[in-house]
């Protein structure tokens, strides 16, 4: 299939993914056609198939890339106290996701559009990330630092709470990102029954 003059795979491939990310986040996966993505990139519709076999694969690869990047970026110092580890996780999660609003929206809202095999792979990656927080909460409960009845439920609740920042926080608003991180850390600390103290 013919490519637009000047199109190169190392340039156009990332542009296809960036355009799909924006369009899926803005309009929803089901409402976006391959033709719309091609128009956004500036190539013929048929040329998209040089970069992805279909729209489903494009969605899956966007989600997988986001989760892989997240897993590579998260760091848990198991030698630190549970309180320090949890504070670090809270601040990391908010900052990382704030920088990637479209990827975060797609990662949570478009799971329903993944085919079963793709869904299973993304869920496995999500579970690996959730396990980082669950390990922190479990360690804190075992040491008496946290009062957590069910570490799995607490993990899901904390992640949902932190990810929710993306729905309302905007740079330049009343609060700085650091102020939001501090306030959410205080709320999470109280949620897990941890005593006060600066971390």
N, C-alpha and C. Protein backbone atom coordinates (compact mmCIF):
# COMPACT_ATOMS: atom_id res chain seq x y z
N UNK A 1 0.84 -1.19 0.00
CA UNK A 1 0.00 0.00 0.00
C UNK A 1 0.87 1.24 0.00
N UNK A 2 0.45 2.23 -0.73
CA UNK A 2 1.28 3.41 -0.88
C UNK A 2 1.27 4.27 0.37
N UNK A 3 2.44 4.82 0.71
CA UNK A 3 2.55 5.76 1.80
C UNK A 3 2.57 7.17 1.25
N UNK A 4 2.16 8.12 2.08
CA UNK A 4 2.27 9.52 1.69
C UNK A 4 3.74 9.85 1.52
N UNK A 5 4.05 10.67 0.53
CA UNK A 5 5.43 11.06 0.28
C UNK A 5 6.08 11.61 1.55
N UNK A 6 7.26 11.13 1.85
CA UNK A 6 7.98 11.60 3.03
C UNK A 6 7.63 10.83 4.28
N UNK A 7 6.75 9.82 4.16
CA UNK A 7 6.36 9.03 5.33
C UNK A 7 7.41 7.96 5.59
N UNK A 8 7.82 7.84 6.83
CA UNK A 8 8.80 6.83 7.24
C UNK A 8 8.27 6.11 8.47
N UNK A 9 8.53 4.80 8.56
CA UNK A 9 7.95 4.01 9.63
C UNK A 9 8.36 4.49 11.01
N UNK A 10 9.61 4.97 11.15
CA UNK A 10 10.07 5.40 12.48
C UNK A 10 9.47 6.74 12.87
N UNK A 11 8.90 7.46 11.91
CA UNK A 11 8.23 8.73 12.18
C UNK A 11 6.72 8.55 12.18
N UNK A 12 6.20 7.90 11.15
CA UNK A 12 4.76 7.77 11.01
C UNK A 12 4.17 6.80 12.03
N UNK A 13 4.89 5.73 12.34
CA UNK A 13 4.39 4.78 13.34
C UNK A 13 4.03 5.45 14.66
N UNK A 14 4.96 6.20 15.27
CA UNK A 14 4.63 6.92 16.50
C UNK A 14 3.51 7.95 16.31
N UNK A 15 3.45 8.57 15.14
CA UNK A 15 2.38 9.55 14.87
C UNK A 15 1.02 8.86 14.81
N UNK A 16 0.99 7.66 14.26
CA UNK A 16 -0.25 6.89 14.23
C UNK A 16 -0.70 6.59 15.66
N UNK A 17 0.22 6.15 16.51
CA UNK A 17 -0.14 5.83 17.90
C UNK A 17 -0.57 7.08 18.66
N UNK A 18 0.14 8.20 18.45
CA UNK A 18 -0.22 9.45 19.13
C UNK A 18 -1.61 9.92 18.70
N UNK A 19 -1.89 9.83 17.40
CA UNK A 19 -3.19 10.26 16.90
C UNK A 19 -4.30 9.37 17.44
N UNK A 20 -4.07 8.07 17.45
CA UNK A 20 -5.06 7.14 17.98
C UNK A 20 -5.31 7.41 19.47
N UNK A 21 -4.25 7.67 20.20
CA UNK A 21 -4.39 7.96 21.63
C UNK A 21 -5.29 9.18 21.85
N UNK A 22 -5.03 10.25 21.11
CA UNK A 22 -5.83 11.47 21.25
C UNK A 22 -7.28 11.23 20.87
N UNK A 23 -7.48 10.57 19.74
CA UNK A 23 -8.84 10.37 19.25
C UNK A 23 -9.64 9.40 20.12
N UNK A 24 -9.02 8.32 20.57
CA UNK A 24 -9.71 7.38 21.45
C UNK A 24 -10.10 8.07 22.76
N UNK A 25 -9.21 8.91 23.30
CA UNK A 25 -9.48 9.61 24.55
C UNK A 25 -10.59 10.65 24.37
N UNK A 26 -10.61 11.29 23.21
CA UNK A 26 -11.57 12.37 22.97
C UNK A 26 -12.96 11.84 22.60
N UNK A 27 -12.99 10.80 21.76
CA UNK A 27 -14.28 10.36 21.21
C UNK A 27 -14.69 8.96 21.65
N UNK A 28 -13.76 8.19 22.21
CA UNK A 28 -14.06 6.80 22.54
C UNK A 28 -13.64 5.87 21.42
N UNK A 29 -13.16 4.70 21.79
CA UNK A 29 -12.64 3.74 20.82
C UNK A 29 -13.67 3.39 19.75
N UNK A 30 -14.89 3.09 20.18
CA UNK A 30 -15.91 2.62 19.24
C UNK A 30 -16.28 3.66 18.20
N UNK A 31 -16.16 4.94 18.55
CA UNK A 31 -16.59 6.01 17.65
C UNK A 31 -15.51 6.43 16.65
N UNK A 32 -14.30 5.96 16.84
CA UNK A 32 -13.18 6.39 15.99
C UNK A 32 -12.93 5.35 14.89
N UNK A 33 -12.81 5.81 13.67
CA UNK A 33 -12.53 4.91 12.55
C UNK A 33 -11.05 5.00 12.18
N UNK A 34 -10.60 4.00 11.47
CA UNK A 34 -9.23 4.02 10.97
C UNK A 34 -9.04 5.20 10.00
N UNK A 35 -10.09 5.55 9.27
CA UNK A 35 -10.01 6.68 8.35
C UNK A 35 -9.77 7.98 9.11
N UNK A 36 -10.42 8.14 10.27
CA UNK A 36 -10.20 9.34 11.09
C UNK A 36 -8.75 9.41 11.58
N UNK A 37 -8.22 8.27 11.98
CA UNK A 37 -6.83 8.23 12.44
C UNK A 37 -5.90 8.61 11.29
N UNK A 38 -6.16 8.07 10.13
CA UNK A 38 -5.33 8.37 8.96
C UNK A 38 -5.37 9.85 8.63
N UNK A 39 -6.56 10.45 8.69
CA UNK A 39 -6.70 11.88 8.42
C UNK A 39 -5.90 12.70 9.41
N UNK A 40 -5.96 12.31 10.68
CA UNK A 40 -5.23 13.02 11.72
C UNK A 40 -3.72 12.96 11.48
N UNK A 41 -3.26 11.82 11.00
CA UNK A 41 -1.82 11.63 10.75
C UNK A 41 -1.40 12.29 9.44
N UNK A 42 -2.34 12.32 8.46
CA UNK A 42 -2.01 12.88 7.16
C UNK A 42 -1.54 11.84 6.17
N UNK A 43 -2.07 10.62 6.30
CA UNK A 43 -1.74 9.55 5.36
C UNK A 43 -3.04 8.99 4.79
N UNK A 44 -2.93 8.21 3.73
CA UNK A 44 -4.10 7.55 3.17
C UNK A 44 -4.56 6.46 4.14
N UNK A 45 -5.86 6.22 4.17
CA UNK A 45 -6.41 5.25 5.12
C UNK A 45 -5.75 3.88 4.98
N UNK A 46 -5.53 3.45 3.74
CA UNK A 46 -4.92 2.15 3.53
C UNK A 46 -3.51 2.05 4.05
N UNK A 47 -2.82 3.20 4.14
CA UNK A 47 -1.43 3.20 4.60
C UNK A 47 -1.31 2.86 6.08
N UNK A 48 -2.38 3.03 6.83
CA UNK A 48 -2.32 2.71 8.27
C UNK A 48 -1.96 1.25 8.51
N UNK A 49 -2.35 0.41 7.58
CA UNK A 49 -2.13 -1.02 7.77
C UNK A 49 -0.67 -1.42 7.59
N UNK A 50 0.17 -0.46 7.23
CA UNK A 50 1.62 -0.69 7.25
C UNK A 50 2.14 -0.61 8.69
N UNK A 51 1.33 -0.03 9.58
CA UNK A 51 1.79 0.23 10.96
C UNK A 51 1.01 -0.55 12.01
N UNK A 52 -0.18 -1.01 11.67
CA UNK A 52 -0.97 -1.81 12.60
C UNK A 52 -1.95 -2.66 11.80
N UNK A 53 -2.19 -3.90 12.19
CA UNK A 53 -3.11 -4.75 11.44
C UNK A 53 -4.57 -4.34 11.55
N UNK A 54 -4.95 -3.73 12.69
CA UNK A 54 -6.34 -3.32 12.87
C UNK A 54 -6.46 -2.39 14.08
N UNK A 55 -7.65 -1.86 14.29
CA UNK A 55 -7.89 -0.89 15.36
C UNK A 55 -7.77 -1.55 16.74
N UNK A 56 -8.20 -2.80 16.86
CA UNK A 56 -8.10 -3.52 18.13
C UNK A 56 -6.64 -3.64 18.57
N UNK A 57 -5.78 -3.99 17.64
CA UNK A 57 -4.35 -4.11 17.96
C UNK A 57 -3.78 -2.77 18.38
N UNK A 58 -4.23 -1.71 17.74
CA UNK A 58 -3.77 -0.37 18.08
C UNK A 58 -4.16 -0.02 19.51
N UNK A 59 -5.41 -0.31 19.88
CA UNK A 59 -5.86 -0.05 21.26
C UNK A 59 -5.05 -0.87 22.26
N UNK A 60 -4.89 -2.14 21.97
CA UNK A 60 -4.15 -3.03 22.86
C UNK A 60 -2.71 -2.56 23.04
N UNK A 61 -2.06 -2.18 21.95
CA UNK A 61 -0.66 -1.76 22.05
C UNK A 61 -0.52 -0.44 22.82
N UNK A 62 -1.49 0.44 22.70
CA UNK A 62 -1.47 1.68 23.49
C UNK A 62 -1.60 1.37 24.98
N UNK A 63 -2.50 0.48 25.32
CA UNK A 63 -2.70 0.11 26.72
C UNK A 63 -1.47 -0.61 27.27
N UNK A 64 -0.95 -1.53 26.49
CA UNK A 64 0.22 -2.29 26.95
C UNK A 64 1.42 -1.38 27.14
N UNK A 65 1.63 -0.45 26.21
CA UNK A 65 2.77 0.47 26.33
C UNK A 65 2.65 1.31 27.59
N UNK A 66 1.43 1.75 27.90
CA UNK A 66 1.21 2.54 29.12
C UNK A 66 1.53 1.73 30.36
N UNK A 67 1.04 0.50 30.41
CA UNK A 67 1.26 -0.33 31.60
C UNK A 67 2.73 -0.72 31.75
N UNK A 68 3.40 -1.01 30.66
CA UNK A 68 4.82 -1.35 30.73
C UNK A 68 5.63 -0.16 31.23
N UNK A 69 5.31 1.03 30.72
CA UNK A 69 5.99 2.24 31.18
C UNK A 69 5.75 2.46 32.67
N UNK A 70 4.53 2.24 33.10
CA UNK A 70 4.19 2.40 34.52
C UNK A 70 4.98 1.43 35.39
N UNK A 71 5.04 0.18 34.98
CA UNK A 71 5.75 -0.83 35.76
C UNK A 71 7.26 -0.57 35.79
N UNK A 72 7.79 -0.03 34.70
CA UNK A 72 9.21 0.29 34.67
C UNK A 72 9.54 1.50 35.54
N UNK A 73 8.57 2.40 35.71
CA UNK A 73 8.81 3.64 36.45
C UNK A 73 8.59 3.50 37.95
N UNK A 74 7.66 2.63 38.35
CA UNK A 74 7.36 2.52 39.78
C UNK A 74 8.55 1.91 40.51
N UNK A 75 8.83 2.44 41.69
CA UNK A 75 9.95 1.93 42.49
C UNK A 75 9.51 1.81 43.93
N UNK A 76 9.72 0.66 44.50
CA UNK A 76 9.36 0.41 45.90
C UNK A 76 10.60 -0.01 46.66
N UNK A 77 11.03 0.82 47.59
CA UNK A 77 12.20 0.53 48.41
C UNK A 77 11.76 -0.35 49.58
N UNK A 78 11.90 -1.65 49.42
CA UNK A 78 11.41 -2.58 50.45
C UNK A 78 12.18 -2.45 51.75
N UNK A 79 13.31 -1.76 51.73
CA UNK A 79 14.07 -1.56 52.96
C UNK A 79 13.57 -0.40 53.79
N UNK A 80 12.70 0.42 53.19
CA UNK A 80 12.14 1.57 53.92
C UNK A 80 10.96 1.13 54.77
N UNK A 81 10.48 2.02 55.63
CA UNK A 81 9.32 1.69 56.45
C UNK A 81 8.08 1.64 55.57
N UNK A 82 7.05 0.94 56.05
CA UNK A 82 5.81 0.84 55.29
C UNK A 82 5.21 2.23 55.06
N UNK A 83 5.32 3.10 56.05
CA UNK A 83 4.79 4.45 55.91
C UNK A 83 5.52 5.22 54.81
N UNK A 84 6.83 5.11 54.76
CA UNK A 84 7.62 5.76 53.71
C UNK A 84 7.30 5.18 52.34
N UNK A 85 7.17 3.88 52.29
CA UNK A 85 6.86 3.22 51.00
C UNK A 85 5.50 3.66 50.48
N UNK A 86 4.52 3.75 51.37
CA UNK A 86 3.19 4.15 50.96
C UNK A 86 3.16 5.61 50.51
N UNK A 87 3.85 6.47 51.24
CA UNK A 87 3.90 7.89 50.86
C UNK A 87 4.53 8.04 49.48
N UNK A 88 5.58 7.29 49.22
CA UNK A 88 6.24 7.36 47.92
C UNK A 88 5.30 6.89 46.81
N UNK A 89 4.57 5.80 47.06
CA UNK A 89 3.66 5.26 46.06
C UNK A 89 2.57 6.28 45.73
N UNK A 90 1.99 6.88 46.75
CA UNK A 90 0.92 7.86 46.55
C UNK A 90 1.40 9.01 45.67
N UNK A 91 2.53 9.57 46.02
CA UNK A 91 3.04 10.71 45.27
C UNK A 91 3.45 10.31 43.84
N UNK A 92 4.05 9.14 43.71
CA UNK A 92 4.43 8.66 42.39
C UNK A 92 3.21 8.47 41.49
N UNK A 93 2.19 7.79 42.00
CA UNK A 93 1.01 7.48 41.19
C UNK A 93 0.35 8.75 40.68
N UNK A 94 0.20 9.72 41.54
CA UNK A 94 -0.45 10.97 41.14
C UNK A 94 0.38 11.69 40.07
N UNK A 95 1.68 11.82 40.29
CA UNK A 95 2.54 12.54 39.35
C UNK A 95 2.62 11.83 38.00
N UNK A 96 2.82 10.51 38.02
CA UNK A 96 2.95 9.74 36.78
C UNK A 96 1.69 9.86 35.93
N UNK A 97 0.54 9.68 36.55
CA UNK A 97 -0.70 9.69 35.81
C UNK A 97 -1.10 11.09 35.37
N UNK A 98 -0.73 12.10 36.14
CA UNK A 98 -1.03 13.48 35.75
C UNK A 98 -0.38 13.84 34.42
N UNK A 99 0.79 13.29 34.15
CA UNK A 99 1.52 13.60 32.92
C UNK A 99 0.99 12.86 31.71
N UNK A 100 0.05 11.93 31.91
CA UNK A 100 -0.42 11.08 30.81
C UNK A 100 -1.95 10.94 30.85
N UNK A 101 -2.68 12.02 30.83
CA UNK A 101 -4.14 11.93 31.00
C UNK A 101 -4.85 11.09 29.94
N UNK A 102 -4.45 11.20 28.68
CA UNK A 102 -5.12 10.43 27.63
C UNK A 102 -4.86 8.93 27.81
N UNK A 103 -3.63 8.57 28.10
CA UNK A 103 -3.29 7.15 28.29
C UNK A 103 -4.03 6.57 29.48
N UNK A 104 -4.15 7.36 30.55
CA UNK A 104 -4.85 6.90 31.75
C UNK A 104 -6.34 6.71 31.46
N UNK A 105 -6.93 7.67 30.76
CA UNK A 105 -8.35 7.57 30.43
C UNK A 105 -8.62 6.30 29.63
N UNK A 106 -7.80 6.06 28.62
CA UNK A 106 -7.99 4.88 27.78
C UNK A 106 -7.76 3.60 28.58
N UNK A 107 -6.73 3.60 29.44
CA UNK A 107 -6.40 2.40 30.20
C UNK A 107 -7.53 1.96 31.12
N UNK A 108 -8.33 2.90 31.59
CA UNK A 108 -9.42 2.55 32.50
C UNK A 108 -10.77 2.46 31.79
N UNK A 109 -11.03 3.33 30.82
CA UNK A 109 -12.35 3.39 30.22
C UNK A 109 -12.55 2.47 29.02
N UNK A 110 -11.47 2.03 28.41
CA UNK A 110 -11.62 1.23 27.19
C UNK A 110 -11.30 -0.25 27.39
N UNK A 111 -11.14 -0.67 28.62
CA UNK A 111 -10.89 -2.10 28.88
C UNK A 111 -12.00 -2.97 28.29
N UNK A 112 -13.23 -2.45 28.35
CA UNK A 112 -14.39 -3.21 27.88
C UNK A 112 -14.32 -3.51 26.38
N UNK A 113 -13.51 -2.74 25.66
CA UNK A 113 -13.41 -2.93 24.21
C UNK A 113 -12.28 -3.86 23.79
N UNK A 114 -11.56 -4.39 24.74
CA UNK A 114 -10.49 -5.33 24.40
C UNK A 114 -11.05 -6.72 24.18
N UNK A 115 -10.49 -7.41 23.19
CA UNK A 115 -10.84 -8.81 23.00
C UNK A 115 -10.28 -9.63 24.16
N UNK A 116 -10.88 -10.79 24.47
CA UNK A 116 -10.53 -11.55 25.67
C UNK A 116 -9.03 -11.77 25.90
N UNK A 117 -8.30 -12.17 24.88
CA UNK A 117 -6.87 -12.44 25.06
C UNK A 117 -6.11 -11.16 25.39
N UNK A 118 -6.46 -10.08 24.72
CA UNK A 118 -5.82 -8.80 24.99
C UNK A 118 -6.18 -8.30 26.39
N UNK A 119 -7.44 -8.48 26.75
CA UNK A 119 -7.90 -8.08 28.08
C UNK A 119 -7.11 -8.81 29.16
N UNK A 120 -6.92 -10.10 28.97
CA UNK A 120 -6.20 -10.90 29.96
C UNK A 120 -4.77 -10.40 30.15
N UNK A 121 -4.12 -10.02 29.05
CA UNK A 121 -2.73 -9.55 29.16
C UNK A 121 -2.66 -8.21 29.88
N UNK A 122 -3.58 -7.31 29.58
CA UNK A 122 -3.59 -6.01 30.25
C UNK A 122 -3.94 -6.18 31.73
N UNK A 123 -4.87 -7.05 32.03
CA UNK A 123 -5.23 -7.30 33.42
C UNK A 123 -4.06 -7.88 34.21
N UNK A 124 -3.25 -8.72 33.56
CA UNK A 124 -2.07 -9.28 34.23
C UNK A 124 -1.07 -8.18 34.56
N UNK A 125 -0.90 -7.23 33.64
CA UNK A 125 0.00 -6.10 33.90
C UNK A 125 -0.54 -5.21 35.01
N UNK A 126 -1.83 -4.97 34.99
CA UNK A 126 -2.46 -4.17 36.05
C UNK A 126 -2.29 -4.85 37.41
N UNK A 127 -2.43 -6.16 37.42
CA UNK A 127 -2.28 -6.91 38.67
C UNK A 127 -0.86 -6.79 39.23
N UNK A 128 0.12 -6.76 38.34
CA UNK A 128 1.51 -6.59 38.79
C UNK A 128 1.70 -5.23 39.46
N UNK A 129 1.08 -4.20 38.91
CA UNK A 129 1.19 -2.87 39.51
C UNK A 129 0.44 -2.83 40.84
N UNK A 130 -0.76 -3.38 40.88
CA UNK A 130 -1.53 -3.41 42.12
C UNK A 130 -0.79 -4.18 43.21
N UNK A 131 -0.02 -5.20 42.81
CA UNK A 131 0.71 -6.01 43.78
C UNK A 131 1.77 -5.20 44.52
N UNK A 132 2.30 -4.16 43.87
CA UNK A 132 3.29 -3.29 44.53
C UNK A 132 2.64 -2.63 45.74
N UNK A 133 1.47 -2.05 45.53
CA UNK A 133 0.77 -1.38 46.63
C UNK A 133 0.27 -2.39 47.65
N UNK A 134 -0.25 -3.51 47.19
CA UNK A 134 -0.77 -4.50 48.14
C UNK A 134 0.34 -5.02 49.05
N UNK A 135 1.53 -5.19 48.51
CA UNK A 135 2.66 -5.63 49.33
C UNK A 135 3.00 -4.60 50.41
N UNK A 136 2.92 -3.32 50.05
CA UNK A 136 3.18 -2.25 51.02
C UNK A 136 2.13 -2.29 52.13
N UNK A 137 0.87 -2.41 51.74
CA UNK A 137 -0.22 -2.42 52.73
C UNK A 137 -0.14 -3.65 53.63
N UNK A 138 0.19 -4.78 53.04
CA UNK A 138 0.30 -6.01 53.82
C UNK A 138 1.46 -5.91 54.83
N UNK A 139 2.58 -5.35 54.36
CA UNK A 139 3.72 -5.18 55.26
C UNK A 139 3.38 -4.23 56.40
N UNK A 140 2.67 -3.17 56.08
CA UNK A 140 2.27 -2.22 57.11
C UNK A 140 1.31 -2.81 58.11
N UNK A 141 0.40 -3.66 57.63
CA UNK A 141 -0.55 -4.31 58.53
C UNK A 141 0.16 -5.31 59.45
N UNK A 142 1.11 -6.04 58.88
CA UNK A 142 1.84 -7.03 59.67
C UNK A 142 2.71 -6.38 60.74
N UNK A 143 3.22 -5.18 60.45
CA UNK A 143 4.06 -4.49 61.43
C UNK A 143 3.26 -3.67 62.43
N UNK A 144 1.93 -3.58 62.21
CA UNK A 144 1.09 -2.80 63.10
C UNK A 144 1.03 -1.32 62.73
N UNK A 145 1.66 -0.97 61.62
CA UNK A 145 1.65 0.43 61.18
C UNK A 145 0.31 0.82 60.59
N UNK A 146 -0.31 -0.11 59.86
CA UNK A 146 -1.60 0.14 59.23
C UNK A 146 -2.68 -0.74 59.85
N UNK A 147 -3.90 -0.27 59.80
CA UNK A 147 -5.05 -1.05 60.23
C UNK A 147 -5.89 -1.34 58.99
N UNK A 148 -5.55 -2.44 58.32
CA UNK A 148 -6.19 -2.81 57.06
C UNK A 148 -6.77 -4.21 57.20
N UNK A 149 -8.09 -4.31 57.04
CA UNK A 149 -8.75 -5.61 57.20
C UNK A 149 -8.54 -6.50 55.98
N UNK A 150 -8.56 -5.91 54.79
CA UNK A 150 -8.42 -6.67 53.55
C UNK A 150 -7.50 -5.88 52.63
N UNK A 151 -6.28 -6.35 52.46
CA UNK A 151 -5.28 -5.60 51.70
C UNK A 151 -5.65 -5.45 50.23
N UNK A 152 -6.36 -6.44 49.67
CA UNK A 152 -6.74 -6.36 48.26
C UNK A 152 -7.77 -5.27 48.04
N UNK A 153 -8.80 -5.23 48.88
CA UNK A 153 -9.83 -4.20 48.75
C UNK A 153 -9.23 -2.82 49.00
N UNK A 154 -8.37 -2.73 50.01
CA UNK A 154 -7.72 -1.45 50.30
C UNK A 154 -6.87 -0.99 49.12
N UNK A 155 -6.19 -1.92 48.47
CA UNK A 155 -5.37 -1.60 47.29
C UNK A 155 -6.23 -0.99 46.19
N UNK A 156 -7.32 -1.64 45.87
CA UNK A 156 -8.20 -1.16 44.80
C UNK A 156 -8.81 0.19 45.15
N UNK A 157 -9.16 0.38 46.42
CA UNK A 157 -9.75 1.64 46.85
C UNK A 157 -8.75 2.79 46.74
N UNK A 158 -7.52 2.54 47.17
CA UNK A 158 -6.50 3.58 47.13
C UNK A 158 -6.17 3.95 45.68
N UNK A 159 -5.99 2.95 44.82
CA UNK A 159 -5.66 3.23 43.42
C UNK A 159 -6.80 4.00 42.74
N UNK A 160 -8.04 3.61 43.00
CA UNK A 160 -9.18 4.33 42.41
C UNK A 160 -9.20 5.78 42.89
N UNK A 161 -8.92 5.98 44.15
CA UNK A 161 -8.90 7.33 44.72
C UNK A 161 -7.80 8.18 44.09
N UNK A 162 -6.62 7.62 43.95
CA UNK A 162 -5.49 8.37 43.40
C UNK A 162 -5.68 8.66 41.92
N UNK A 163 -6.19 7.69 41.18
CA UNK A 163 -6.39 7.88 39.75
C UNK A 163 -7.47 8.93 39.49
N UNK A 164 -8.38 9.08 40.43
CA UNK A 164 -9.44 10.07 40.30
C UNK A 164 -8.94 11.50 40.21
N UNK A 165 -7.71 11.75 40.66
CA UNK A 165 -7.14 13.09 40.57
C UNK A 165 -7.17 13.59 39.13
N UNK A 166 -6.95 12.68 38.18
CA UNK A 166 -6.90 13.07 36.77
C UNK A 166 -8.22 13.65 36.26
N UNK A 167 -9.32 13.34 36.92
CA UNK A 167 -10.61 13.82 36.43
C UNK A 167 -10.86 15.28 36.76
N UNK A 168 -10.12 15.83 37.74
CA UNK A 168 -10.41 17.22 38.13
C UNK A 168 -9.20 18.13 38.21
N UNK A 169 -8.02 17.60 38.45
CA UNK A 169 -6.86 18.48 38.65
C UNK A 169 -6.35 19.04 37.33
N UNK A 170 -6.09 20.33 37.33
CA UNK A 170 -5.50 21.00 36.18
C UNK A 170 -4.36 21.90 36.65
N UNK A 171 -3.24 21.85 35.97
CA UNK A 171 -2.11 22.71 36.28
C UNK A 171 -2.55 24.17 36.14
N UNK A 172 -2.14 24.98 37.10
CA UNK A 172 -2.52 26.38 37.06
C UNK A 172 -3.78 26.68 37.85
N UNK A 173 -4.38 25.67 38.46
CA UNK A 173 -5.58 25.86 39.27
C UNK A 173 -5.25 26.33 40.68
N UNK A 174 -6.19 26.19 41.56
CA UNK A 174 -6.04 26.68 42.94
C UNK A 174 -4.91 25.98 43.69
N UNK A 175 -4.71 24.71 43.41
CA UNK A 175 -3.70 23.93 44.12
C UNK A 175 -2.58 23.50 43.18
N UNK A 176 -1.37 23.44 43.69
CA UNK A 176 -0.25 22.90 42.93
C UNK A 176 -0.32 21.38 42.98
N UNK A 177 0.41 20.72 42.09
CA UNK A 177 0.44 19.26 42.10
C UNK A 177 1.01 18.76 43.43
N UNK A 178 2.02 19.43 43.94
CA UNK A 178 2.62 19.03 45.22
C UNK A 178 1.61 19.14 46.35
N UNK A 179 0.81 20.18 46.35
CA UNK A 179 -0.21 20.35 47.39
C UNK A 179 -1.25 19.24 47.31
N UNK A 180 -1.62 18.86 46.09
CA UNK A 180 -2.58 17.77 45.91
C UNK A 180 -1.97 16.47 46.41
N UNK A 181 -0.72 16.21 46.05
CA UNK A 181 -0.04 15.00 46.53
C UNK A 181 -0.02 14.96 48.05
N UNK A 182 0.27 16.07 48.68
CA UNK A 182 0.32 16.12 50.15
C UNK A 182 -1.05 15.83 50.76
N UNK A 183 -2.09 16.44 50.19
CA UNK A 183 -3.43 16.23 50.75
C UNK A 183 -3.90 14.79 50.54
N UNK A 184 -3.62 14.25 49.37
CA UNK A 184 -4.03 12.87 49.12
C UNK A 184 -3.23 11.89 49.99
N UNK A 185 -1.97 12.21 50.22
CA UNK A 185 -1.20 11.36 51.11
C UNK A 185 -1.81 11.36 52.50
N UNK A 186 -2.24 12.53 52.97
CA UNK A 186 -2.85 12.60 54.30
C UNK A 186 -4.15 11.79 54.33
N UNK A 187 -4.95 11.85 53.26
CA UNK A 187 -6.19 11.08 53.21
C UNK A 187 -5.93 9.57 53.16
N UNK A 188 -4.95 9.17 52.36
CA UNK A 188 -4.61 7.75 52.26
C UNK A 188 -4.07 7.25 53.59
N UNK A 189 -3.23 8.05 54.23
CA UNK A 189 -2.68 7.67 55.54
C UNK A 189 -3.80 7.41 56.54
N UNK A 190 -4.79 8.29 56.55
CA UNK A 190 -5.93 8.11 57.46
C UNK A 190 -6.76 6.89 57.05
N UNK A 191 -6.91 6.69 55.75
CA UNK A 191 -7.71 5.56 55.25
C UNK A 191 -7.17 4.23 55.74
N UNK A 192 -5.85 4.10 55.81
CA UNK A 192 -5.26 2.83 56.22
C UNK A 192 -4.95 2.79 57.71
N UNK A 193 -5.44 3.80 58.43
CA UNK A 193 -5.29 3.80 59.88
C UNK A 193 -3.89 4.03 60.39
N UNK A 194 -3.08 4.76 59.61
CA UNK A 194 -1.70 5.03 60.03
C UNK A 194 -1.66 6.27 60.91
N UNK A 195 -0.77 6.27 61.89
CA UNK A 195 -0.58 7.41 62.76
C UNK A 195 0.01 8.56 61.98
N UNK A 196 -0.12 9.77 62.48
CA UNK A 196 0.42 10.95 61.81
C UNK A 196 1.93 10.95 61.80
N UNK A 197 2.47 11.95 61.14
CA UNK A 197 3.93 12.05 61.02
C UNK A 197 4.30 12.48 59.62
N UNK A 198 5.34 13.27 59.51
CA UNK A 198 5.75 13.75 58.20
C UNK A 198 6.59 12.72 57.48
N UNK A 199 6.26 12.52 56.21
CA UNK A 199 7.02 11.59 55.37
C UNK A 199 7.26 12.25 54.03
